[in-house]
Amino acid sequence: MLKAAGWQCVALEYSQVGAELARGRGLTSLRGDATQLPLTDGSLGLVVAFDVLEHIQDDGAAAREILRCLRPGGHLLVAVPTDMRLWSAHDEAVGHVRRYERVEITRLLETAGFTGVEVRGWNVLLRPLVALRRKSTSGSDLDDPSPAVNLVLRSAVVLERVLPVGRLPSVSLLVTARKPA
């Protein structure tokens, strides 16, 4: 989507498989560790880290590296899972180290040097279903849903975009922040 909007995109992937998937989608791909990014200082205008930080033991080092690579005034978009009460076999199966609370992700980014940190809940409407499913499964629940289930899930996400529910308990947190100018 970013590439289609005119951004010059580079995917950073830790694994060879991830790098190959990114290249298969037409993206330039670098292999590297988020705690030691293979990029020059101030070389990026935007970093998107969706479902990344929760996999990294030293998430503070990753946040500082992202800040280093952003140019002054650059933006960060983050998505992370929230609420340890939702911790389940799914989190273990996909290699999560943690789930974040709003105050934790805010503190992490502000401590790294980011400003203007804004946090909103995401997948608020689906939280009861996710909580129920996570308690009843024994591994990752990232399987492909049926078209009917996918339609219901997609409808909930579309509805959530227009409802003022971002402050309510959710499954994920969407965060925006920027590097000081």
N, C-alpha and C. Protein backbone atom coordinates (compact mmCIF):
# COMPACT_ATOMS: atom_id res chain seq x y z
N MET A 1 0.82 -1.19 0.00
CA MET A 1 0.00 0.00 0.00
C MET A 1 0.87 1.26 0.00
N LEU A 2 1.93 1.25 0.79
CA LEU A 2 2.81 2.41 0.82
C LEU A 2 3.48 2.63 -0.52
N LYS A 3 3.91 1.55 -1.14
CA LYS A 3 4.56 1.66 -2.45
C LYS A 3 3.58 2.24 -3.48
N ALA A 4 2.34 1.80 -3.43
CA ALA A 4 1.33 2.30 -4.35
C ALA A 4 1.03 3.78 -4.10
N ALA A 5 1.27 4.24 -2.86
CA ALA A 5 1.04 5.64 -2.52
C ALA A 5 2.26 6.52 -2.82
N GLY A 6 3.28 5.92 -3.43
CA GLY A 6 4.42 6.71 -3.85
C GLY A 6 5.64 6.66 -2.94
N TRP A 7 5.57 5.90 -1.86
CA TRP A 7 6.72 5.77 -0.97
C TRP A 7 7.76 4.84 -1.59
N GLN A 8 9.01 5.12 -1.34
CA GLN A 8 10.08 4.19 -1.68
C GLN A 8 10.21 3.27 -0.47
N CYS A 9 9.93 2.00 -0.64
CA CYS A 9 9.84 1.06 0.48
C CYS A 9 11.00 0.09 0.51
N VAL A 10 11.43 -0.21 1.73
CA VAL A 10 12.43 -1.24 1.98
C VAL A 10 11.93 -2.07 3.15
N ALA A 11 11.89 -3.37 2.97
CA ALA A 11 11.48 -4.27 4.05
C ALA A 11 12.73 -4.74 4.78
N LEU A 12 12.69 -4.70 6.09
CA LEU A 12 13.76 -5.27 6.90
C LEU A 12 13.24 -6.60 7.44
N GLU A 13 13.94 -7.65 7.15
CA GLU A 13 13.51 -8.98 7.58
C GLU A 13 14.64 -9.67 8.32
N TYR A 14 14.31 -10.29 9.42
CA TYR A 14 15.29 -11.01 10.21
C TYR A 14 15.65 -12.35 9.55
N SER A 15 14.64 -13.01 8.99
CA SER A 15 14.86 -14.36 8.44
C SER A 15 14.97 -14.33 6.92
N GLN A 16 15.62 -15.32 6.38
CA GLN A 16 15.72 -15.48 4.94
C GLN A 16 14.34 -15.68 4.32
N VAL A 17 13.49 -16.45 4.98
CA VAL A 17 12.14 -16.72 4.46
C VAL A 17 11.36 -15.41 4.35
N GLY A 18 11.43 -14.58 5.39
CA GLY A 18 10.74 -13.29 5.36
C GLY A 18 11.26 -12.39 4.26
N ALA A 19 12.59 -12.39 4.08
CA ALA A 19 13.20 -11.56 3.03
C ALA A 19 12.74 -12.03 1.65
N GLU A 20 12.67 -13.33 1.45
CA GLU A 20 12.21 -13.86 0.17
C GLU A 20 10.74 -13.53 -0.09
N LEU A 21 9.91 -13.60 0.96
CA LEU A 21 8.50 -13.24 0.81
C LEU A 21 8.36 -11.77 0.41
N ALA A 22 9.12 -10.91 1.06
CA ALA A 22 9.07 -9.48 0.73
C ALA A 22 9.51 -9.24 -0.71
N ARG A 23 10.59 -9.89 -1.13
CA ARG A 23 11.05 -9.73 -2.51
C ARG A 23 10.00 -10.26 -3.49
N GLY A 24 9.34 -11.35 -3.11
CA GLY A 24 8.28 -11.90 -3.94
C GLY A 24 7.10 -10.95 -4.11
N ARG A 25 6.96 -10.02 -3.20
CA ARG A 25 5.90 -9.01 -3.29
C ARG A 25 6.39 -7.72 -3.93
N GLY A 26 7.59 -7.79 -4.51
CA GLY A 26 8.12 -6.66 -5.25
C GLY A 26 8.80 -5.61 -4.39
N LEU A 27 9.15 -5.94 -3.15
CA LEU A 27 9.81 -4.99 -2.26
C LEU A 27 11.31 -5.24 -2.20
N THR A 28 12.07 -4.18 -2.10
CA THR A 28 13.49 -4.31 -1.77
C THR A 28 13.54 -4.83 -0.35
N SER A 29 14.41 -5.78 -0.09
CA SER A 29 14.44 -6.39 1.24
C SER A 29 15.87 -6.46 1.76
N LEU A 30 16.04 -6.04 3.00
CA LEU A 30 17.32 -6.16 3.70
C LEU A 30 17.15 -7.17 4.82
N ARG A 31 18.17 -7.94 5.05
CA ARG A 31 18.17 -8.84 6.21
C ARG A 31 18.88 -8.13 7.33
N GLY A 32 18.31 -8.22 8.52
CA GLY A 32 18.96 -7.58 9.65
C GLY A 32 18.19 -7.76 10.93
N ASP A 33 18.79 -7.27 11.99
CA ASP A 33 18.26 -7.34 13.34
C ASP A 33 17.75 -5.95 13.70
N ALA A 34 16.55 -5.87 14.24
CA ALA A 34 15.96 -4.57 14.57
C ALA A 34 16.71 -3.84 15.66
N THR A 35 17.56 -4.54 16.40
CA THR A 35 18.34 -3.86 17.44
C THR A 35 19.66 -3.33 16.89
N GLN A 36 19.98 -3.65 15.63
CA GLN A 36 21.18 -3.16 14.96
C GLN A 36 20.85 -2.99 13.47
N LEU A 37 20.07 -1.98 13.17
CA LEU A 37 19.58 -1.79 11.81
C LEU A 37 20.71 -1.48 10.83
N PRO A 38 20.71 -2.13 9.67
CA PRO A 38 21.75 -1.90 8.66
C PRO A 38 21.45 -0.68 7.79
N LEU A 39 21.16 0.45 8.45
CA LEU A 39 20.77 1.67 7.77
C LEU A 39 21.54 2.85 8.36
N THR A 40 21.71 3.90 7.58
CA THR A 40 22.44 5.06 8.06
C THR A 40 21.54 5.96 8.90
N ASP A 41 22.18 6.75 9.74
CA ASP A 41 21.46 7.69 10.59
C ASP A 41 20.60 8.62 9.74
N GLY A 42 19.36 8.83 10.18
CA GLY A 42 18.49 9.80 9.53
C GLY A 42 18.11 9.48 8.09
N SER A 43 18.15 8.22 7.71
CA SER A 43 17.91 7.86 6.31
C SER A 43 16.44 7.58 5.97
N LEU A 44 15.56 7.56 6.96
CA LEU A 44 14.17 7.19 6.72
C LEU A 44 13.20 8.29 7.13
N GLY A 45 12.13 8.42 6.38
CA GLY A 45 11.08 9.37 6.74
C GLY A 45 9.95 8.73 7.51
N LEU A 46 9.78 7.42 7.35
CA LEU A 46 8.70 6.69 7.99
C LEU A 46 9.17 5.27 8.28
N VAL A 47 8.86 4.79 9.46
CA VAL A 47 9.08 3.38 9.80
C VAL A 47 7.74 2.80 10.22
N VAL A 48 7.40 1.67 9.64
CA VAL A 48 6.19 0.93 10.01
C VAL A 48 6.65 -0.37 10.64
N ALA A 49 6.30 -0.55 11.91
CA ALA A 49 6.67 -1.76 12.65
C ALA A 49 5.39 -2.40 13.18
N PHE A 50 4.70 -3.11 12.31
CA PHE A 50 3.47 -3.79 12.70
C PHE A 50 3.81 -5.21 13.11
N ASP A 51 3.45 -5.54 14.33
CA ASP A 51 3.68 -6.87 14.90
C ASP A 51 5.15 -7.25 14.86
N VAL A 52 5.98 -6.35 15.36
CA VAL A 52 7.43 -6.54 15.41
C VAL A 52 7.96 -6.51 16.83
N LEU A 53 7.71 -5.41 17.55
CA LEU A 53 8.35 -5.18 18.85
C LEU A 53 8.07 -6.27 19.87
N GLU A 54 6.91 -6.87 19.82
CA GLU A 54 6.56 -7.91 20.79
C GLU A 54 7.39 -9.18 20.63
N HIS A 55 8.13 -9.30 19.53
CA HIS A 55 8.99 -10.46 19.28
C HIS A 55 10.43 -10.24 19.74
N ILE A 56 10.77 -9.02 20.13
CA ILE A 56 12.17 -8.65 20.39
C ILE A 56 12.41 -8.55 21.89
N GLN A 57 13.36 -9.33 22.37
CA GLN A 57 13.67 -9.32 23.80
C GLN A 57 14.04 -7.91 24.27
N ASP A 58 14.95 -7.24 23.58
CA ASP A 58 15.37 -5.89 23.95
C ASP A 58 14.64 -4.88 23.07
N ASP A 59 13.36 -4.68 23.36
CA ASP A 59 12.56 -3.76 22.55
C ASP A 59 13.02 -2.32 22.68
N GLY A 60 13.68 -1.97 23.78
CA GLY A 60 14.24 -0.63 23.94
C GLY A 60 15.34 -0.37 22.93
N ALA A 61 16.20 -1.37 22.70
CA ALA A 61 17.26 -1.22 21.70
C ALA A 61 16.66 -1.05 20.31
N ALA A 62 15.60 -1.79 20.01
CA ALA A 62 14.94 -1.65 18.71
C ALA A 62 14.33 -0.26 18.56
N ALA A 63 13.69 0.25 19.60
CA ALA A 63 13.10 1.59 19.53
C ALA A 63 14.18 2.66 19.32
N ARG A 64 15.30 2.52 20.00
CA ARG A 64 16.39 3.49 19.83
C ARG A 64 16.98 3.42 18.42
N GLU A 65 17.08 2.22 17.86
CA GLU A 65 17.60 2.07 16.50
C GLU A 65 16.65 2.68 15.48
N ILE A 66 15.36 2.50 15.68
CA ILE A 66 14.39 3.10 14.77
C ILE A 66 14.53 4.62 14.83
N LEU A 67 14.64 5.17 16.03
CA LEU A 67 14.81 6.61 16.19
C LEU A 67 16.07 7.09 15.47
N ARG A 68 17.17 6.36 15.62
CA ARG A 68 18.44 6.72 14.98
C ARG A 68 18.28 6.80 13.46
N CYS A 69 17.55 5.87 12.89
CA CYS A 69 17.42 5.80 11.43
C CYS A 69 16.41 6.79 10.86
N LEU A 70 15.54 7.31 11.70
CA LEU A 70 14.57 8.30 11.21
C LEU A 70 15.22 9.66 11.07
N ARG A 71 14.82 10.40 10.05
CA ARG A 71 15.29 11.79 9.92
C ARG A 71 14.50 12.63 10.91
N PRO A 72 15.01 13.80 11.28
CA PRO A 72 14.27 14.69 12.19
C PRO A 72 12.86 14.95 11.65
N GLY A 73 11.88 14.80 12.51
CA GLY A 73 10.48 14.96 12.12
C GLY A 73 9.87 13.71 11.50
N GLY A 74 10.68 12.63 11.35
CA GLY A 74 10.17 11.38 10.77
C GLY A 74 9.16 10.71 11.68
N HIS A 75 8.34 9.88 11.08
CA HIS A 75 7.23 9.25 11.81
C HIS A 75 7.42 7.74 11.98
N LEU A 76 6.84 7.24 13.06
CA LEU A 76 6.82 5.81 13.37
C LEU A 76 5.37 5.38 13.53
N LEU A 77 5.02 4.28 12.88
CA LEU A 77 3.71 3.64 13.05
C LEU A 77 3.97 2.25 13.61
N VAL A 78 3.31 1.93 14.71
CA VAL A 78 3.55 0.66 15.40
C VAL A 78 2.20 -0.01 15.67
N ALA A 79 2.18 -1.32 15.55
CA ALA A 79 1.05 -2.13 16.03
C ALA A 79 1.63 -3.23 16.89
N VAL A 80 1.06 -3.39 18.08
CA VAL A 80 1.51 -4.43 19.01
C VAL A 80 0.29 -5.07 19.66
N PRO A 81 0.42 -6.32 20.09
CA PRO A 81 -0.68 -6.94 20.85
C PRO A 81 -0.74 -6.32 22.25
N THR A 82 -1.93 -6.28 22.80
CA THR A 82 -2.10 -5.68 24.12
C THR A 82 -2.74 -6.66 25.10
N ASP A 83 -2.53 -6.37 26.36
CA ASP A 83 -3.20 -7.00 27.49
C ASP A 83 -2.74 -8.44 27.76
N MET A 84 -1.90 -8.58 28.75
CA MET A 84 -1.37 -9.91 29.12
C MET A 84 -2.48 -10.88 29.53
N ARG A 85 -3.67 -10.38 29.85
CA ARG A 85 -4.78 -11.30 30.16
C ARG A 85 -5.19 -12.09 28.91
N LEU A 86 -4.80 -11.61 27.74
CA LEU A 86 -5.08 -12.34 26.50
C LEU A 86 -3.95 -13.29 26.11
N TRP A 87 -2.89 -13.36 26.92
CA TRP A 87 -1.77 -14.25 26.61
C TRP A 87 -2.29 -15.67 26.48
N SER A 88 -1.81 -16.36 25.42
CA SER A 88 -2.30 -17.72 25.17
C SER A 88 -1.25 -18.51 24.41
N ALA A 89 -1.61 -19.72 24.08
CA ALA A 89 -0.74 -20.58 23.27
C ALA A 89 -0.44 -19.92 21.92
N HIS A 90 -1.35 -19.10 21.44
CA HIS A 90 -1.11 -18.37 20.18
C HIS A 90 0.14 -17.51 20.30
N ASP A 91 0.25 -16.74 21.40
CA ASP A 91 1.41 -15.87 21.59
C ASP A 91 2.70 -16.68 21.60
N GLU A 92 2.69 -17.81 22.26
CA GLU A 92 3.88 -18.68 22.30
C GLU A 92 4.19 -19.26 20.94
N ALA A 93 3.15 -19.67 20.21
CA ALA A 93 3.35 -20.29 18.89
C ALA A 93 3.95 -19.31 17.89
N VAL A 94 3.62 -18.02 18.01
CA VAL A 94 4.14 -17.05 17.05
C VAL A 94 5.35 -16.29 17.58
N GLY A 95 5.87 -16.69 18.73
CA GLY A 95 7.13 -16.15 19.24
C GLY A 95 7.03 -14.80 19.93
N HIS A 96 5.89 -14.50 20.53
CA HIS A 96 5.78 -13.25 21.28
C HIS A 96 6.58 -13.34 22.58
N VAL A 97 7.19 -12.24 22.95
CA VAL A 97 7.89 -12.12 24.22
C VAL A 97 6.97 -11.45 25.24
N ARG A 98 6.08 -10.59 24.75
CA ARG A 98 5.20 -9.83 25.63
C ARG A 98 3.99 -9.35 24.85
N ARG A 99 3.00 -8.88 25.60
CA ARG A 99 1.89 -8.07 25.11
C ARG A 99 2.01 -6.76 25.88
N TYR A 100 1.67 -5.64 25.29
CA TYR A 100 1.90 -4.33 25.89
C TYR A 100 0.62 -3.74 26.48
N GLU A 101 0.80 -2.96 27.51
CA GLU A 101 -0.25 -2.07 28.00
C GLU A 101 0.02 -0.70 27.37
N ARG A 102 -0.97 0.16 27.32
CA ARG A 102 -0.82 1.49 26.73
C ARG A 102 0.34 2.24 27.36
N VAL A 103 0.42 2.21 28.68
CA VAL A 103 1.46 2.96 29.38
C VAL A 103 2.85 2.39 29.07
N GLU A 104 2.94 1.08 28.85
CA GLU A 104 4.24 0.45 28.56
C GLU A 104 4.77 0.85 27.19
N ILE A 105 3.92 0.82 26.18
CA ILE A 105 4.40 1.18 24.84
C ILE A 105 4.71 2.67 24.77
N THR A 106 3.93 3.48 25.47
CA THR A 106 4.20 4.92 25.52
C THR A 106 5.54 5.18 26.19
N ARG A 107 5.77 4.55 27.34
CA ARG A 107 7.03 4.72 28.07
C ARG A 107 8.21 4.24 27.23
N LEU A 108 8.06 3.10 26.56
CA LEU A 108 9.13 2.57 25.72
C LEU A 108 9.56 3.59 24.66
N LEU A 109 8.60 4.14 23.96
CA LEU A 109 8.92 5.06 22.86
C LEU A 109 9.41 6.41 23.38
N GLU A 110 8.81 6.92 24.43
CA GLU A 110 9.27 8.19 24.98
C GLU A 110 10.68 8.07 25.57
N THR A 111 10.97 6.95 26.22
CA THR A 111 12.31 6.72 26.76
C THR A 111 13.34 6.66 25.64
N ALA A 112 12.96 6.11 24.50
CA ALA A 112 13.86 6.04 23.35
C ALA A 112 14.09 7.41 22.73
N GLY A 113 13.20 8.38 22.99
CA GLY A 113 13.37 9.72 22.46
C GLY A 113 12.26 10.20 21.54
N PHE A 114 11.23 9.39 21.34
CA PHE A 114 10.11 9.79 20.48
C PHE A 114 9.23 10.80 21.20
N THR A 115 8.56 11.64 20.41
CA THR A 115 7.59 12.59 20.95
C THR A 115 6.25 12.38 20.26
N GLY A 116 5.23 13.03 20.81
CA GLY A 116 3.90 12.97 20.19
C GLY A 116 3.33 11.57 20.13
N VAL A 117 3.63 10.74 21.11
CA VAL A 117 3.16 9.35 21.10
C VAL A 117 1.65 9.33 21.32
N GLU A 118 0.94 8.72 20.38
CA GLU A 118 -0.51 8.56 20.49
C GLU A 118 -0.84 7.08 20.35
N VAL A 119 -1.71 6.59 21.22
CA VAL A 119 -2.06 5.17 21.27
C VAL A 119 -3.57 5.02 21.20
N ARG A 120 -4.01 4.11 20.34
CA ARG A 120 -5.43 3.77 20.30
C ARG A 120 -5.59 2.26 20.20
N GLY A 121 -6.68 1.78 20.77
CA GLY A 121 -6.97 0.35 20.68
C GLY A 121 -7.45 -0.02 19.29
N TRP A 122 -7.15 -1.25 18.90
CA TRP A 122 -7.59 -1.78 17.61
C TRP A 122 -8.10 -3.19 17.82
N ASN A 123 -9.08 -3.59 17.07
CA ASN A 123 -9.78 -4.86 17.26
C ASN A 123 -10.51 -4.86 18.59
N VAL A 124 -11.15 -3.74 18.88
CA VAL A 124 -11.97 -3.59 20.08
C VAL A 124 -13.21 -4.47 19.95
N LEU A 125 -13.89 -4.38 18.82
CA LEU A 125 -15.14 -5.11 18.63
C LEU A 125 -14.93 -6.62 18.60
N LEU A 126 -13.75 -7.05 18.16
CA LEU A 126 -13.47 -8.48 18.07
C LEU A 126 -12.88 -9.07 19.34
N ARG A 127 -12.56 -8.22 20.32
CA ARG A 127 -11.90 -8.69 21.53
C ARG A 127 -12.64 -9.85 22.22
N PRO A 128 -13.95 -9.80 22.42
CA PRO A 128 -14.61 -10.94 23.09
C PRO A 128 -14.43 -12.25 22.32
N LEU A 129 -14.52 -12.19 20.99
CA LEU A 129 -14.33 -13.40 20.19
C LEU A 129 -12.90 -13.90 20.25
N VAL A 130 -11.95 -12.97 20.19
CA VAL A 130 -10.53 -13.35 20.27
C VAL A 130 -10.24 -13.99 21.62
N ALA A 131 -10.73 -13.39 22.70
CA ALA A 131 -10.49 -13.94 24.04
C ALA A 131 -11.05 -15.35 24.16
N LEU A 132 -12.24 -15.56 23.64
CA LEU A 132 -12.86 -16.88 23.67
C LEU A 132 -12.07 -17.88 22.84
N ARG A 133 -11.70 -17.49 21.65
CA ARG A 133 -10.95 -18.40 20.76
C ARG A 133 -9.59 -18.75 21.35
N ARG A 134 -8.89 -17.76 21.90
CA ARG A 134 -7.55 -18.00 22.44
C ARG A 134 -7.60 -18.96 23.63
N LYS A 135 -8.68 -18.95 24.39
CA LYS A 135 -8.80 -19.87 25.53
C LYS A 135 -9.11 -21.30 25.08
N SER A 136 -9.61 -21.44 23.85
CA SER A 136 -10.04 -22.76 23.40
C SER A 136 -9.10 -23.40 22.39
N THR A 137 -7.99 -22.71 22.04
CA THR A 137 -7.06 -23.28 21.07
C THR A 137 -5.72 -23.58 21.73
N SER A 138 -4.94 -24.42 21.06
CA SER A 138 -3.67 -24.84 21.65
C SER A 138 -2.46 -24.42 20.82
N GLY A 139 -2.64 -23.53 19.89
CA GLY A 139 -1.53 -23.05 19.07
C GLY A 139 -1.90 -21.75 18.40
N SER A 140 -1.23 -21.43 17.30
CA SER A 140 -1.53 -20.20 16.59
C SER A 140 -2.91 -20.29 15.96
N ASP A 141 -3.60 -19.16 15.96
CA ASP A 141 -4.92 -19.13 15.32
C ASP A 141 -4.89 -18.25 14.08
N LEU A 142 -3.77 -18.30 13.36
CA LEU A 142 -3.61 -17.50 12.16
C LEU A 142 -4.01 -18.26 10.89
N ASP A 143 -4.84 -19.27 11.05
CA ASP A 143 -5.29 -20.01 9.88
C ASP A 143 -6.20 -19.12 9.02
N ASP A 144 -6.40 -19.54 7.78
CA ASP A 144 -7.26 -18.78 6.88
C ASP A 144 -8.72 -19.07 7.23
N PRO A 145 -9.48 -18.02 7.59
CA PRO A 145 -10.90 -18.23 7.89
C PRO A 145 -11.70 -18.48 6.62
N SER A 146 -12.86 -19.05 6.79
CA SER A 146 -13.75 -19.26 5.64
C SER A 146 -14.18 -17.90 5.10
N PRO A 147 -14.63 -17.85 3.86
CA PRO A 147 -15.08 -16.56 3.30
C PRO A 147 -16.18 -15.89 4.13
N ALA A 148 -17.09 -16.68 4.69
CA ALA A 148 -18.18 -16.10 5.51
C ALA A 148 -17.62 -15.49 6.79
N VAL A 149 -16.72 -16.20 7.46
CA VAL A 149 -16.11 -15.68 8.68
C VAL A 149 -15.26 -14.46 8.36
N ASN A 150 -14.55 -14.52 7.26
CA ASN A 150 -13.71 -13.39 6.86
C ASN A 150 -14.56 -12.14 6.59
N LEU A 151 -15.74 -12.31 6.01
CA LEU A 151 -16.64 -11.19 5.76
C LEU A 151 -17.08 -10.56 7.08
N VAL A 152 -17.41 -11.38 8.07
CA VAL A 152 -17.81 -10.87 9.39
C VAL A 152 -16.65 -10.12 10.03
N LEU A 153 -15.45 -10.70 9.98
CA LEU A 153 -14.27 -10.06 10.56
C LEU A 153 -13.97 -8.73 9.87
N ARG A 154 -14.01 -8.73 8.55
CA ARG A 154 -13.76 -7.51 7.78
C ARG A 154 -14.80 -6.44 8.11
N SER A 155 -16.05 -6.83 8.27
CA SER A 155 -17.11 -5.88 8.61
C SER A 155 -16.87 -5.25 9.97
N ALA A 156 -16.42 -6.05 10.93
CA ALA A 156 -16.12 -5.51 12.26
C ALA A 156 -14.98 -4.50 12.19
N VAL A 157 -13.97 -4.77 11.39
CA VAL A 157 -12.84 -3.85 11.24
C VAL A 157 -13.29 -2.55 10.57
N VAL A 158 -14.11 -2.65 9.53
CA VAL A 158 -14.62 -1.46 8.84
C VAL A 158 -15.47 -0.64 9.80
N LEU A 159 -16.32 -1.28 10.56
CA LEU A 159 -17.17 -0.58 11.52
C LEU A 159 -16.34 0.12 12.59
N GLU A 160 -15.29 -0.54 13.02
CA GLU A 160 -14.44 0.03 14.06
C GLU A 160 -13.73 1.31 13.60
N ARG A 161 -13.51 1.44 12.31
CA ARG A 161 -12.86 2.65 11.78
C ARG A 161 -13.69 3.91 12.02
N VAL A 162 -15.01 3.77 12.11
CA VAL A 162 -15.86 4.95 12.26
C VAL A 162 -16.43 5.12 13.66
N LEU A 163 -16.36 4.09 14.47
CA LEU A 163 -16.88 4.19 15.84
C LEU A 163 -15.80 4.73 16.78
N PRO A 164 -16.19 5.51 17.78
CA PRO A 164 -15.21 6.06 18.74
C PRO A 164 -14.88 5.05 19.84
N VAL A 165 -14.19 3.96 19.47
CA VAL A 165 -13.92 2.88 20.42
C VAL A 165 -12.45 2.73 20.77
N GLY A 166 -11.59 3.62 20.28
CA GLY A 166 -10.15 3.48 20.44
C GLY A 166 -9.63 3.51 21.86
N ARG A 167 -10.43 3.97 22.82
CA ARG A 167 -10.00 4.01 24.22
C ARG A 167 -10.42 2.75 24.99
N LEU A 168 -11.23 1.92 24.37
CA LEU A 168 -11.74 0.72 25.04
C LEU A 168 -10.73 -0.43 24.99
N PRO A 169 -10.89 -1.44 25.86
CA PRO A 169 -10.00 -2.61 25.80
C PRO A 169 -10.03 -3.24 24.42
N SER A 170 -8.86 -3.68 23.97
CA SER A 170 -8.71 -4.15 22.59
C SER A 170 -7.80 -5.36 22.54
N VAL A 171 -7.56 -5.84 21.33
CA VAL A 171 -6.63 -6.94 21.10
C VAL A 171 -5.25 -6.40 20.75
N SER A 172 -5.22 -5.28 20.04
CA SER A 172 -3.96 -4.67 19.60
C SER A 172 -3.98 -3.18 19.90
N LEU A 173 -2.79 -2.60 19.87
CA LEU A 173 -2.64 -1.15 20.00
C LEU A 173 -2.02 -0.62 18.72
N LEU A 174 -2.54 0.48 18.22
CA LEU A 174 -1.96 1.20 17.10
C LEU A 174 -1.32 2.46 17.68
N VAL A 175 -0.07 2.69 17.34
CA VAL A 175 0.69 3.78 17.94
C VAL A 175 1.33 4.62 16.84
N THR A 176 1.27 5.94 17.02
CA THR A 176 2.01 6.85 16.16
C THR A 176 2.94 7.66 17.05
N ALA A 177 4.10 7.98 16.51
CA ALA A 177 5.09 8.79 17.24
C ALA A 177 5.98 9.44 16.20
N ARG A 178 6.78 10.40 16.63
CA ARG A 178 7.70 11.02 15.69
C ARG A 178 9.02 11.34 16.38
N LYS A 179 10.04 11.46 15.54
CA LYS A 179 11.35 11.89 16.00
C LYS A 179 11.32 13.40 16.07
N PRO A 180 11.81 14.00 17.16
CA PRO A 180 11.81 15.46 17.24
C PRO A 180 12.50 16.08 16.03
N ALA A 181 11.97 17.24 15.60
CA ALA A 181 12.52 17.93 14.43
C ALA A 181 13.90 18.51 14.74
